[in-house]
Full PDB file with SEQRES, HELIX, SHEET, SSBOND, CRYST1, ORIGX, SCALE, CONECT and MASTER records, all heavy atoms in Angstrom:
SEQRES   1 A   41  GLU ILE GLN PHE GLU ILE ASN ASN LYS PRO THR ILE THR          
SEQRES   2 A   41  ASN LEU LEU ASN TYR PRO ASN PRO PHE SER THR SER THR          
SEQRES   3 A   41  ARG PHE VAL PHE THR LEU THR GLY SER GLU VAL PRO GLU          
SEQRES   4 A   41  VAL PHE                                                      
SHEET    1 AA1 2 THR A  11  ILE A  12  0                                        
SHEET    2 AA1 2 LEU A  32  THR A  33 -1                                        
SHEET    1 AA2 2 LEU A  16  TYR A  18  0                                        
SHEET    2 AA2 2 ARG A  27  VAL A  29 -1                                        
CRYST1    1.000    1.000    1.000  90.00  90.00  90.00 P 1           1          
ORIGX1      1.000000  0.000000  0.000000        0.00000                         
ORIGX2      0.000000  1.000000  0.000000        0.00000                         
ORIGX3      0.000000  0.000000  1.000000        0.00000                         
SCALE1      1.000000  0.000000  0.000000        0.00000                         
SCALE2      0.000000  1.000000  0.000000        0.00000                         
SCALE3      0.000000  0.000000  1.000000        0.00000                         
ATOM      1  N   GLU A   1       0.846  -1.186   0.000  1.00  0.00           N  
ATOM      2  CA  GLU A   1       0.000   0.000   0.000  1.00  0.00           C  
ATOM      3  C   GLU A   1       0.885   1.241   0.000  1.00  0.00           C  
ATOM      4  O   GLU A   1       1.854   1.321   0.754  1.00  0.00           O  
ATOM      5  CB  GLU A   1      -0.915   0.026   1.222  1.00  0.00           C  
ATOM      6  CG  GLU A   1      -1.927  -1.115   1.266  1.00  0.00           C  
ATOM      7  CD  GLU A   1      -2.929  -0.981   2.399  1.00  0.00           C  
ATOM      8  OE1 GLU A   1      -2.918   0.093   3.054  1.00  0.00           O  
ATOM      9  OE2 GLU A   1      -3.714  -1.926   2.628  1.00  0.00           O  
ATOM     10  N   ILE A   2       0.556   2.207  -0.848  1.00  0.00           N  
ATOM     11  CA  ILE A   2       1.273   3.475  -0.874  1.00  0.00           C  
ATOM     12  C   ILE A   2       0.258   4.599  -1.078  1.00  0.00           C  
ATOM     13  O   ILE A   2      -0.621   4.523  -1.933  1.00  0.00           O  
ATOM     14  CB  ILE A   2       2.354   3.494  -1.990  1.00  0.00           C  
ATOM     15  CG1 ILE A   2       3.263   4.692  -1.859  1.00  0.00           C  
ATOM     16  CG2 ILE A   2       1.726   3.421  -3.366  1.00  0.00           C  
ATOM     17  CD1 ILE A   2       4.247   4.596  -0.729  1.00  0.00           C  
ATOM     18  N   GLN A   3       0.384   5.623  -0.262  1.00  0.00           N  
ATOM     19  CA  GLN A   3      -0.476   6.801  -0.400  1.00  0.00           C  
ATOM     20  C   GLN A   3       0.296   7.876  -1.166  1.00  0.00           C  
ATOM     21  O   GLN A   3       1.490   8.072  -0.938  1.00  0.00           O  
ATOM     22  CB  GLN A   3      -0.901   7.312   0.974  1.00  0.00           C  
ATOM     23  CG  GLN A   3      -2.001   8.359   0.933  1.00  0.00           C  
ATOM     24  CD  GLN A   3      -2.455   8.764   2.328  1.00  0.00           C  
ATOM     25  OE1 GLN A   3      -1.685   9.330   3.089  1.00  0.00           O  
ATOM     26  NE2 GLN A   3      -3.692   8.450   2.667  1.00  0.00           N  
ATOM     27  N   PHE A   4      -0.388   8.551  -2.066  1.00  0.00           N  
ATOM     28  CA  PHE A   4       0.249   9.618  -2.838  1.00  0.00           C  
ATOM     29  C   PHE A   4      -0.737  10.747  -3.055  1.00  0.00           C  
ATOM     30  O   PHE A   4      -1.949  10.572  -2.930  1.00  0.00           O  
ATOM     31  CB  PHE A   4       0.775   9.087  -4.174  1.00  0.00           C  
ATOM     32  CG  PHE A   4      -0.275   8.476  -5.072  1.00  0.00           C  
ATOM     33  CD1 PHE A   4      -0.923   9.235  -6.036  1.00  0.00           C  
ATOM     34  CD2 PHE A   4      -0.601   7.131  -4.960  1.00  0.00           C  
ATOM     35  CE1 PHE A   4      -1.893   8.682  -6.861  1.00  0.00           C  
ATOM     36  CE2 PHE A   4      -1.562   6.560  -5.776  1.00  0.00           C  
ATOM     37  CZ  PHE A   4      -2.208   7.327  -6.726  1.00  0.00           C  
ATOM     38  N   GLU A   5      -0.179  11.919  -3.373  1.00  0.00           N  
ATOM     39  CA  GLU A   5      -1.003  13.125  -3.490  1.00  0.00           C  
ATOM     40  C   GLU A   5      -0.961  13.663  -4.910  1.00  0.00           C  
ATOM     41  O   GLU A   5       0.085  13.625  -5.579  1.00  0.00           O  
ATOM     42  CB  GLU A   5      -0.513  14.191  -2.512  1.00  0.00           C  
ATOM     43  CG  GLU A   5      -1.398  15.433  -2.478  1.00  0.00           C  
ATOM     44  CD  GLU A   5      -0.961  16.434  -1.420  1.00  0.00           C  
ATOM     45  OE1 GLU A   5      -0.043  16.112  -0.633  1.00  0.00           O  
ATOM     46  OE2 GLU A   5      -1.523  17.551  -1.403  1.00  0.00           O  
ATOM     47  N   ILE A   6      -2.108  14.172  -5.353  1.00  0.00           N  
ATOM     48  CA  ILE A   6      -2.242  14.757  -6.688  1.00  0.00           C  
ATOM     49  C   ILE A   6      -2.621  16.231  -6.557  1.00  0.00           C  
ATOM     50  O   ILE A   6      -3.520  16.593  -5.797  1.00  0.00           O  
ATOM     51  CB  ILE A   6      -3.316  14.025  -7.515  1.00  0.00           C  
ATOM     52  CG1 ILE A   6      -2.924  12.581  -7.769  1.00  0.00           C  
ATOM     53  CG2 ILE A   6      -3.557  14.750  -8.842  1.00  0.00           C  
ATOM     54  CD1 ILE A   6      -1.696  12.399  -8.619  1.00  0.00           C  
ATOM     55  N   ASN A   7      -1.898  17.086  -7.303  1.00  0.00           N  
ATOM     56  CA  ASN A   7      -2.258  18.493  -7.434  1.00  0.00           C  
ATOM     57  C   ASN A   7      -2.149  18.830  -8.914  1.00  0.00           C  
ATOM     58  O   ASN A   7      -1.057  18.889  -9.470  1.00  0.00           O  
ATOM     59  CB  ASN A   7      -1.319  19.373  -6.604  1.00  0.00           C  
ATOM     60  CG  ASN A   7      -1.684  20.853  -6.685  1.00  0.00           C  
ATOM     61  OD1 ASN A   7      -2.543  21.248  -7.477  1.00  0.00           O  
ATOM     62  ND2 ASN A   7      -1.020  21.670  -5.888  1.00  0.00           N  
ATOM     63  N   ASN A   8      -3.289  18.996  -9.573  1.00  0.00           N  
ATOM     64  CA  ASN A   8      -3.294  19.184 -11.022  1.00  0.00           C  
ATOM     65  C   ASN A   8      -2.745  20.541 -11.464  1.00  0.00           C  
ATOM     66  O   ASN A   8      -2.384  20.716 -12.633  1.00  0.00           O  
ATOM     67  CB  ASN A   8      -4.715  19.024 -11.570  1.00  0.00           C  
ATOM     68  CG  ASN A   8      -5.099  17.562 -11.750  1.00  0.00           C  
ATOM     69  OD1 ASN A   8      -4.807  16.970 -12.782  1.00  0.00           O  
ATOM     70  ND2 ASN A   8      -5.732  16.984 -10.736  1.00  0.00           N  
ATOM     71  N   LYS A   9      -2.669  21.515 -10.560  1.00  0.00           N  
ATOM     72  CA  LYS A   9      -2.196  22.847 -10.940  1.00  0.00           C  
ATOM     73  C   LYS A   9      -0.676  22.847 -11.060  1.00  0.00           C  
ATOM     74  O   LYS A   9       0.026  22.478 -10.109  1.00  0.00           O  
ATOM     75  CB  LYS A   9      -2.629  23.875  -9.898  1.00  0.00           C  
ATOM     76  CG  LYS A   9      -2.274  25.310 -10.277  1.00  0.00           C  
ATOM     77  CD  LYS A   9      -2.797  26.282  -9.236  1.00  0.00           C  
ATOM     78  CE  LYS A   9      -2.474  27.731  -9.623  1.00  0.00           C  
ATOM     79  NZ  LYS A   9      -3.000  28.686  -8.636  1.00  0.00           N  
ATOM     80  N   PRO A  10      -0.111  23.260 -12.216  1.00  0.00           N  
ATOM     81  CA  PRO A  10       1.349  23.287 -12.357  1.00  0.00           C  
ATOM     82  C   PRO A  10       1.973  24.369 -11.476  1.00  0.00           C  
ATOM     83  O   PRO A  10       1.681  25.558 -11.636  1.00  0.00           O  
ATOM     84  CB  PRO A  10       1.566  23.601 -13.842  1.00  0.00           C  
ATOM     85  CG  PRO A  10       0.264  23.316 -14.509  1.00  0.00           C  
ATOM     86  CD  PRO A  10      -0.787  23.603 -13.481  1.00  0.00           C  
ATOM     87  N   THR A  11       2.804  23.962 -10.524  1.00  0.00           N  
ATOM     88  CA  THR A  11       3.519  24.918  -9.672  1.00  0.00           C  
ATOM     89  C   THR A  11       4.919  24.380  -9.407  1.00  0.00           C  
ATOM     90  O   THR A  11       5.213  23.203  -9.621  1.00  0.00           O  
ATOM     91  CB  THR A  11       2.809  25.131  -8.315  1.00  0.00           C  
ATOM     92  OG1 THR A  11       2.859  23.910  -7.554  1.00  0.00           O  
ATOM     93  CG2 THR A  11       1.373  25.575  -8.492  1.00  0.00           C  
ATOM     94  N   ILE A  12       5.771  25.267  -8.895  1.00  0.00           N  
ATOM     95  CA  ILE A  12       7.103  24.878  -8.446  1.00  0.00           C  
ATOM     96  C   ILE A  12       7.429  25.651  -7.174  1.00  0.00           C  
ATOM     97  O   ILE A  12       7.108  26.841  -7.058  1.00  0.00           O  
ATOM     98  CB  ILE A  12       8.184  25.141  -9.528  1.00  0.00           C  
ATOM     99  CG1 ILE A  12       9.560  24.680  -9.029  1.00  0.00           C  
ATOM    100  CG2 ILE A  12       8.198  26.589  -9.963  1.00  0.00           C  
ATOM    101  CD1 ILE A  12      10.654  24.745 -10.082  1.00  0.00           C  
ATOM    102  N   THR A  13       8.007  24.974  -6.218  1.00  0.00           N  
ATOM    103  CA  THR A  13       8.453  25.665  -5.011  1.00  0.00           C  
ATOM    104  C   THR A  13       9.766  26.382  -5.309  1.00  0.00           C  
ATOM    105  O   THR A  13      10.426  26.117  -6.320  1.00  0.00           O  
ATOM    106  CB  THR A  13       8.685  24.668  -3.867  1.00  0.00           C  
ATOM    107  OG1 THR A  13       9.701  23.727  -4.268  1.00  0.00           O  
ATOM    108  CG2 THR A  13       7.413  23.918  -3.522  1.00  0.00           C  
ATOM    109  N   ASN A  14      10.144  27.302  -4.418  1.00  0.00           N  
ATOM    110  CA  ASN A  14      11.471  27.891  -4.543  1.00  0.00           C  
ATOM    111  C   ASN A  14      12.527  26.796  -4.451  1.00  0.00           C  
ATOM    112  O   ASN A  14      12.401  25.853  -3.670  1.00  0.00           O  
ATOM    113  CB  ASN A  14      11.691  28.933  -3.444  1.00  0.00           C  
ATOM    114  CG  ASN A  14      11.120  30.287  -3.826  1.00  0.00           C  
ATOM    115  OD1 ASN A  14      11.329  30.765  -4.949  1.00  0.00           O  
ATOM    116  ND2 ASN A  14      10.393  30.913  -2.909  1.00  0.00           N  
ATOM    117  N   LEU A  15      13.555  26.959  -5.262  1.00  0.00           N  
ATOM    118  CA  LEU A  15      14.596  25.952  -5.374  1.00  0.00           C  
ATOM    119  C   LEU A  15      15.681  26.207  -4.325  1.00  0.00           C  
ATOM    120  O   LEU A  15      16.139  27.337  -4.158  1.00  0.00           O  
ATOM    121  CB  LEU A  15      15.178  26.000  -6.796  1.00  0.00           C  
ATOM    122  CG  LEU A  15      16.310  25.044  -7.154  1.00  0.00           C  
ATOM    123  CD1 LEU A  15      16.145  24.541  -8.576  1.00  0.00           C  
ATOM    124  CD2 LEU A  15      17.654  25.765  -7.028  1.00  0.00           C  
ATOM    125  N   LEU A  16      16.045  25.144  -3.611  1.00  0.00           N  
ATOM    126  CA  LEU A  16      17.104  25.212  -2.612  1.00  0.00           C  
ATOM    127  C   LEU A  16      18.295  24.395  -3.078  1.00  0.00           C  
ATOM    128  O   LEU A  16      18.138  23.423  -3.821  1.00  0.00           O  
ATOM    129  CB  LEU A  16      16.610  24.663  -1.265  1.00  0.00           C  
ATOM    130  CG  LEU A  16      15.410  25.364  -0.624  1.00  0.00           C  
ATOM    131  CD1 LEU A  16      14.909  24.551   0.561  1.00  0.00           C  
ATOM    132  CD2 LEU A  16      15.793  26.767  -0.182  1.00  0.00           C  
ATOM    133  N   ASN A  17      19.481  24.807  -2.642  1.00  0.00           N  
ATOM    134  CA  ASN A  17      20.647  23.954  -2.911  1.00  0.00           C  
ATOM    135  C   ASN A  17      21.111  23.317  -1.602  1.00  0.00           C  
ATOM    136  O   ASN A  17      20.995  23.906  -0.520  1.00  0.00           O  
ATOM    137  CB  ASN A  17      21.786  24.745  -3.555  1.00  0.00           C  
ATOM    138  CG  ASN A  17      22.440  25.718  -2.609  1.00  0.00           C  
ATOM    139  OD1 ASN A  17      21.796  26.656  -2.148  1.00  0.00           O  
ATOM    140  ND2 ASN A  17      23.723  25.525  -2.322  1.00  0.00           N  
ATOM    141  N   TYR A  18      21.577  22.079  -1.722  1.00  0.00           N  
ATOM    142  CA  TYR A  18      22.009  21.334  -0.540  1.00  0.00           C  
ATOM    143  C   TYR A  18      23.273  20.550  -0.877  1.00  0.00           C  
ATOM    144  O   TYR A  18      23.308  19.886  -1.911  1.00  0.00           O  
ATOM    145  CB  TYR A  18      20.901  20.378  -0.089  1.00  0.00           C  
ATOM    146  CG  TYR A  18      21.309  19.538   1.102  1.00  0.00           C  
ATOM    147  CD1 TYR A  18      21.211  20.041   2.392  1.00  0.00           C  
ATOM    148  CD2 TYR A  18      21.814  18.256   0.914  1.00  0.00           C  
ATOM    149  CE1 TYR A  18      21.595  19.277   3.483  1.00  0.00           C  
ATOM    150  CE2 TYR A  18      22.214  17.490   1.996  1.00  0.00           C  
ATOM    151  CZ  TYR A  18      22.103  17.996   3.282  1.00  0.00           C  
ATOM    152  OH  TYR A  18      22.497  17.249   4.351  1.00  0.00           O  
ATOM    153  N   PRO A  19      24.326  20.600  -0.059  1.00  0.00           N  
ATOM    154  CA  PRO A  19      24.417  21.438   1.149  1.00  0.00           C  
ATOM    155  C   PRO A  19      24.663  22.909   0.812  1.00  0.00           C  
ATOM    156  O   PRO A  19      25.105  23.230  -0.286  1.00  0.00           O  
ATOM    157  CB  PRO A  19      25.614  20.838   1.875  1.00  0.00           C  
ATOM    158  CG  PRO A  19      26.478  20.279   0.789  1.00  0.00           C  
ATOM    159  CD  PRO A  19      25.541  19.768  -0.262  1.00  0.00           C  
ATOM    160  N   ASN A  20      24.423  23.739   1.792  1.00  0.00           N  
ATOM    161  CA  ASN A  20      24.650  25.178   1.651  1.00  0.00           C  
ATOM    162  C   ASN A  20      24.986  25.752   3.032  1.00  0.00           C  
ATOM    163  O   ASN A  20      24.133  25.705   3.917  1.00  0.00           O  
ATOM    164  CB  ASN A  20      23.391  25.853   1.104  1.00  0.00           C  
ATOM    165  CG  ASN A  20      23.609  27.313   0.749  1.00  0.00           C  
ATOM    166  OD1 ASN A  20      24.747  27.761   0.595  1.00  0.00           O  
ATOM    167  ND2 ASN A  20      22.511  28.055   0.608  1.00  0.00           N  
ATOM    168  N   PRO A  21      26.231  26.209   3.231  1.00  0.00           N  
ATOM    169  CA  PRO A  21      27.361  26.362   2.300  1.00  0.00           C  
ATOM    170  C   PRO A  21      27.912  25.014   1.822  1.00  0.00           C  
ATOM    171  O   PRO A  21      27.676  23.994   2.428  1.00  0.00           O  
ATOM    172  CB  PRO A  21      28.400  27.106   3.146  1.00  0.00           C  
ATOM    173  CG  PRO A  21      27.660  27.664   4.328  1.00  0.00           C  
ATOM    174  CD  PRO A  21      26.554  26.717   4.579  1.00  0.00           C  
ATOM    175  N   PHE A  22      28.707  25.071   0.730  1.00  0.00           N  
ATOM    176  CA  PHE A  22      29.352  23.859   0.219  1.00  0.00           C  
ATOM    177  C   PHE A  22      30.777  24.186  -0.192  1.00  0.00           C  
ATOM    178  O   PHE A  22      31.126  25.354  -0.441  1.00  0.00           O  
ATOM    179  CB  PHE A  22      28.555  23.275  -0.946  1.00  0.00           C  
ATOM    180  CG  PHE A  22      28.634  24.073  -2.224  1.00  0.00           C  
ATOM    181  CD1 PHE A  22      29.548  23.750  -3.223  1.00  0.00           C  
ATOM    182  CD2 PHE A  22      27.779  25.150  -2.436  1.00  0.00           C  
ATOM    183  CE1 PHE A  22      29.604  24.474  -4.403  1.00  0.00           C  
ATOM    184  CE2 PHE A  22      27.833  25.883  -3.613  1.00  0.00           C  
ATOM    185  CZ  PHE A  22      28.757  25.536  -4.604  1.00  0.00           C  
ATOM    186  N   SER A  23      31.573  23.111  -0.265  1.00  0.00           N  
ATOM    187  CA  SER A  23      32.974  23.304  -0.649  1.00  0.00           C  
ATOM    188  C   SER A  23      33.300  22.648  -1.984  1.00  0.00           C  
ATOM    189  O   SER A  23      34.040  23.205  -2.791  1.00  0.00           O  
ATOM    190  CB  SER A  23      33.904  22.753   0.435  1.00  0.00           C  
ATOM    191  OG  SER A  23      33.663  21.374   0.641  1.00  0.00           O  
ATOM    192  N   THR A  24      32.774  21.444  -2.211  1.00  0.00           N  
ATOM    193  CA  THR A  24      33.119  20.722  -3.445  1.00  0.00           C  
ATOM    194  C   THR A  24      31.950  20.629  -4.421  1.00  0.00           C  
ATOM    195  O   THR A  24      32.127  20.762  -5.630  1.00  0.00           O  
ATOM    196  CB  THR A  24      33.609  19.297  -3.115  1.00  0.00           C  
ATOM    197  OG1 THR A  24      32.591  18.608  -2.361  1.00  0.00           O  
ATOM    198  CG2 THR A  24      34.898  19.341  -2.310  1.00  0.00           C  
ATOM    199  N   SER A  25      30.728  20.376  -3.927  1.00  0.00           N  
ATOM    200  CA  SER A  25      29.585  20.246  -4.839  1.00  0.00           C  
ATOM    201  C   SER A  25      28.289  20.428  -4.070  1.00  0.00           C  
ATOM    202  O   SER A  25      28.242  20.291  -2.844  1.00  0.00           O  
ATOM    203  CB  SER A  25      29.589  18.863  -5.522  1.00  0.00           C  
ATOM    204  OG  SER A  25      29.424  17.835  -4.566  1.00  0.00           O  
ATOM    205  N   THR A  26      27.220  20.726  -4.812  1.00  0.00           N  
ATOM    206  CA  THR A  26      25.894  20.906  -4.210  1.00  0.00           C  
ATOM    207  C   THR A  26      24.838  20.423  -5.188  1.00  0.00           C  
ATOM    208  O   THR A  26      25.034  20.447  -6.412  1.00  0.00           O  
ATOM    209  CB  THR A  26      25.653  22.383  -3.847  1.00  0.00           C  
ATOM    210  OG1 THR A  26      24.462  22.488  -3.078  1.00  0.00           O  
ATOM    211  CG2 THR A  26      25.536  23.258  -5.091  1.00  0.00           C  
ATOM    212  N   ARG A  27      23.697  19.961  -4.652  1.00  0.00           N  
ATOM    213  CA  ARG A  27      22.560  19.538  -5.468  1.00  0.00           C  
ATOM    214  C   ARG A  27      21.411  20.526  -5.277  1.00  0.00           C  
ATOM    215  O   ARG A  27      21.451  21.358  -4.373  1.00  0.00           O  
ATOM    216  CB  ARG A  27      22.096  18.131  -5.066  1.00  0.00           C  
ATOM    217  CG  ARG A  27      23.120  17.041  -5.338  1.00  0.00           C  
ATOM    218  CD  ARG A  27      22.635  15.710  -4.769  1.00  0.00           C  
ATOM    219  NE  ARG A  27      23.632  14.674  -4.917  1.00  0.00           N  
ATOM    220  CZ  ARG A  27      23.695  13.812  -5.922  1.00  0.00           C  
ATOM    221  NH1 ARG A  27      22.781  13.865  -6.877  1.00  0.00           N  
ATOM    222  NH2 ARG A  27      24.634  12.893  -5.972  1.00  0.00           N  
ATOM    223  N   PHE A  28      20.379  20.379  -6.112  1.00  0.00           N  
ATOM    224  CA  PHE A  28      19.245  21.298  -6.057  1.00  0.00           C  
ATOM    225  C   PHE A  28      17.971  20.531  -5.690  1.00  0.00           C  
ATOM    226  O   PHE A  28      17.715  19.438  -6.208  1.00  0.00           O  
ATOM    227  CB  PHE A  28      19.085  22.013  -7.396  1.00  0.00           C  
ATOM    228  CG  PHE A  28      20.281  22.849  -7.751  1.00  0.00           C  
ATOM    229  CD1 PHE A  28      21.274  22.338  -8.580  1.00  0.00           C  
ATOM    230  CD2 PHE A  28      20.440  24.123  -7.223  1.00  0.00           C  
ATOM    231  CE1 PHE A  28      22.393  23.100  -8.886  1.00  0.00           C  
ATOM    232  CE2 PHE A  28      21.557  24.882  -7.524  1.00  0.00           C  
ATOM    233  CZ  PHE A  28      22.536  24.380  -8.357  1.00  0.00           C  
ATOM    234  N   VAL A  29      17.204  21.127  -4.781  1.00  0.00           N  
ATOM    235  CA  VAL A  29      16.015  20.484  -4.212  1.00  0.00           C  
ATOM    236  C   VAL A  29      14.803  21.368  -4.475  1.00  0.00           C  
ATOM    237  O   VAL A  29      14.846  22.579  -4.218  1.00  0.00           O  
ATOM    238  CB  VAL A  29      16.195  20.267  -2.693  1.00  0.00           C  
ATOM    239  CG1 VAL A  29      14.982  19.550  -2.106  1.00  0.00           C  
ATOM    240  CG2 VAL A  29      17.471  19.493  -2.401  1.00  0.00           C  
ATOM    241  N   PHE A  30      13.707  20.773  -4.969  1.00  0.00           N  
ATOM    242  CA  PHE A  30      12.486  21.533  -5.257  1.00  0.00           C  
ATOM    243  C   PHE A  30      11.337  20.551  -5.439  1.00  0.00           C  
ATOM    244  O   PHE A  30      11.534  19.328  -5.541  1.00  0.00           O  
ATOM    245  CB  PHE A  30      12.658  22.386  -6.527  1.00  0.00           C  
ATOM    246  CG  PHE A  30      13.058  21.587  -7.728  1.00  0.00           C  
ATOM    247  CD1 PHE A  30      12.105  21.082  -8.606  1.00  0.00           C  
ATOM    248  CD2 PHE A  30      14.391  21.300  -7.964  1.00  0.00           C  
ATOM    249  CE1 PHE A  30      12.475  20.329  -9.702  1.00  0.00           C  
ATOM    250  CE2 PHE A  30      14.778  20.540  -9.068  1.00  0.00           C  
ATOM    251  CZ  PHE A  30      13.820  20.061  -9.931  1.00  0.00           C  
ATOM    252  N   THR A  31      10.118  21.080  -5.501  1.00  0.00           N  
ATOM    253  CA  THR A  31       8.924  20.257  -5.693  1.00  0.00           C  
ATOM    254  C   THR A  31       8.109  20.803  -6.848  1.00  0.00           C  
ATOM    255  O   THR A  31       7.863  22.008  -6.937  1.00  0.00           O  
ATOM    256  CB  THR A  31       8.055  20.234  -4.417  1.00  0.00           C  
ATOM    257  OG1 THR A  31       8.797  19.657  -3.350  1.00  0.00           O  
ATOM    258  CG2 THR A  31       6.788  19.418  -4.634  1.00  0.00           C  
ATOM    259  N   LEU A  32       7.697  19.902  -7.743  1.00  0.00           N  
ATOM    260  CA  LEU A  32       6.842  20.243  -8.875  1.00  0.00           C  
ATOM    261  C   LEU A  32       5.468  19.621  -8.669  1.00  0.00           C  
ATOM    262  O   LEU A  32       5.343  18.520  -8.139  1.00  0.00           O  
ATOM    263  CB  LEU A  32       7.427  19.697 -10.176  1.00  0.00           C  
ATOM    264  CG  LEU A  32       8.697  20.353 -10.729  1.00  0.00           C  
ATOM    265  CD1 LEU A  32       9.274  19.507 -11.856  1.00  0.00           C  
ATOM    266  CD2 LEU A  32       8.387  21.755 -11.240  1.00  0.00           C  
ATOM    267  N   THR A  33       4.408  20.311  -9.111  1.00  0.00           N  
ATOM    268  CA  THR A  33       3.062  19.731  -9.146  1.00  0.00           C  
ATOM    269  C   THR A  33       2.526  19.843 -10.570  1.00  0.00           C  
ATOM    270  O   THR A  33       3.120  20.493 -11.431  1.00  0.00           O  
ATOM    271  CB  THR A  33       2.109  20.449  -8.175  1.00  0.00           C  
ATOM    272  OG1 THR A  33       1.918  21.801  -8.624  1.00  0.00           O  
ATOM    273  CG2 THR A  33       2.669  20.460  -6.757  1.00  0.00           C  
ATOM    274  N   GLY A  34       1.377  19.196 -10.804  1.00  0.00           N  
ATOM    275  CA  GLY A  34       0.778  19.195 -12.141  1.00  0.00           C  
ATOM    276  C   GLY A  34       0.870  17.819 -12.759  1.00  0.00           C  
ATOM    277  O   GLY A  34       0.939  16.797 -12.072  1.00  0.00           O  
ATOM    278  N   SER A  35       0.894  17.775 -14.070  1.00  0.00           N  
ATOM    279  CA  SER A  35       0.957  16.501 -14.785  1.00  0.00           C  
ATOM    280  C   SER A  35       2.139  16.412 -15.750  1.00  0.00           C  
ATOM    281  O   SER A  35       2.418  15.338 -16.277  1.00  0.00           O  
ATOM    282  CB  SER A  35      -0.341  16.264 -15.568  1.00  0.00           C  
ATOM    283  OG  SER A  35      -0.556  17.308 -16.512  1.00  0.00           O  
ATOM    284  N   GLU A  36       2.835  17.555 -15.972  1.00  0.00           N  
ATOM    285  CA  GLU A  36       3.956  17.565 -16.908  1.00  0.00           C  
ATOM    286  C   GLU A  36       5.141  18.309 -16.307  1.00  0.00           C  
ATOM    287  O   GLU A  36       4.968  19.304 -15.597  1.00  0.00           O  
ATOM    288  CB  GLU A  36       3.569  18.244 -18.228  1.00  0.00           C  
ATOM    289  CG  GLU A  36       2.460  17.571 -19.002  1.00  0.00           C  
ATOM    290  CD  GLU A  36       2.119  18.349 -20.256  1.00  0.00           C  
ATOM    291  OE1 GLU A  36       2.967  18.392 -21.170  1.00  0.00           O  
ATOM    292  OE2 GLU A  36       1.018  18.937 -20.301  1.00  0.00           O  
ATOM    293  N   VAL A  37       6.335  17.822 -16.641  1.00  0.00           N  
ATOM    294  CA  VAL A  37       7.558  18.505 -16.233  1.00  0.00           C  
ATOM    295  C   VAL A  37       7.789  19.676 -17.188  1.00  0.00           C  
ATOM    296  O   VAL A  37       7.583  19.543 -18.401  1.00  0.00           O  
ATOM    297  CB  VAL A  37       8.756  17.537 -16.269  1.00  0.00           C  
ATOM    298  CG1 VAL A  37      10.065  18.265 -15.987  1.00  0.00           C  
ATOM    299  CG2 VAL A  37       8.546  16.416 -15.267  1.00  0.00           C  
ATOM    300  N   PRO A  38       8.176  20.857 -16.690  1.00  0.00           N  
ATOM    301  CA  PRO A  38       8.406  22.013 -17.582  1.00  0.00           C  
ATOM    302  C   PRO A  38       9.422  21.703 -18.671  1.00  0.00           C  
ATOM    303  O   PRO A  38      10.430  21.033 -18.418  1.00  0.00           O  
ATOM    304  CB  PRO A  38       8.934  23.089 -16.630  1.00  0.00           C  
ATOM    305  CG  PRO A  38       8.503  22.665 -15.279  1.00  0.00           C  
ATOM    306  CD  PRO A  38       8.445  21.172 -15.284  1.00  0.00           C  
ATOM    307  N   GLU A  39       9.142  22.204 -19.869  1.00  0.00           N  
ATOM    308  CA  GLU A  39      10.113  21.996 -20.949  1.00  0.00           C  
ATOM    309  C   GLU A  39      11.320  22.917 -20.801  1.00  0.00           C  
ATOM    310  O   GLU A  39      12.404  22.619 -21.301  1.00  0.00           O  
ATOM    311  CB  GLU A  39       9.457  22.175 -22.322  1.00  0.00           C  
ATOM    312  CG  GLU A  39       8.998  23.590 -22.654  1.00  0.00           C  
ATOM    313  CD  GLU A  39       7.536  23.834 -22.306  1.00  0.00           C  
ATOM    314  OE1 GLU A  39       6.972  23.044 -21.540  1.00  0.00           O  
ATOM    315  OE2 GLU A  39       6.966  24.815 -22.831  1.00  0.00           O  
ATOM    316  N   VAL A  40      11.113  24.050 -20.127  1.00  0.00           N  
ATOM    317  CA  VAL A  40      12.224  24.961 -19.828  1.00  0.00           C  
ATOM    318  C   VAL A  40      12.456  24.951 -18.327  1.00  0.00           C  
ATOM    319  O   VAL A  40      11.540  25.197 -17.537  1.00  0.00           O  
ATOM    320  CB  VAL A  40      11.922  26.398 -20.298  1.00  0.00           C  
ATOM    321  CG1 VAL A  40      13.042  27.350 -19.865  1.00  0.00           C  
ATOM    322  CG2 VAL A  40      11.745  26.440 -21.812  1.00  0.00           C  
ATOM    323  N   PHE A  41      13.675  24.628 -17.933  1.00  0.00           N  
ATOM    324  CA  PHE A  41      14.031  24.602 -16.512  1.00  0.00           C  
ATOM    325  C   PHE A  41      15.499  25.015 -16.431  1.00  0.00           C  
ATOM    326  O   PHE A  41      16.398  24.216 -16.681  1.00  0.00           O  
ATOM    327  CB  PHE A  41      13.841  23.195 -15.926  1.00  0.00           C  
ATOM    328  CG  PHE A  41      13.790  23.165 -14.425  1.00  0.00           C  
ATOM    329  CD1 PHE A  41      12.611  22.914 -13.761  1.00  0.00           C  
ATOM    330  CD2 PHE A  41      14.930  23.400 -13.666  1.00  0.00           C  
ATOM    331  CE1 PHE A  41      12.546  22.883 -12.381  1.00  0.00           C  
ATOM    332  CE2 PHE A  41      14.885  23.370 -12.294  1.00  0.00           C  
ATOM    333  CZ  PHE A  41      13.701  23.120 -11.642  1.00  0.00           C  
TER     334      PHE A  41                                                      
MASTER        0    0    0    0    4    0    0    6  333    1    0    4          
END                                                                             
């Protein structure tokens, strides 16, 4: 069993980088809603 959430409205949260501060490398963390991934990102 797995519960999941649907939000049909396309939105994106503010993008965070982790870790921050960083010395060698960092990744980017964010959440998308809707049904399609943006073609421009």
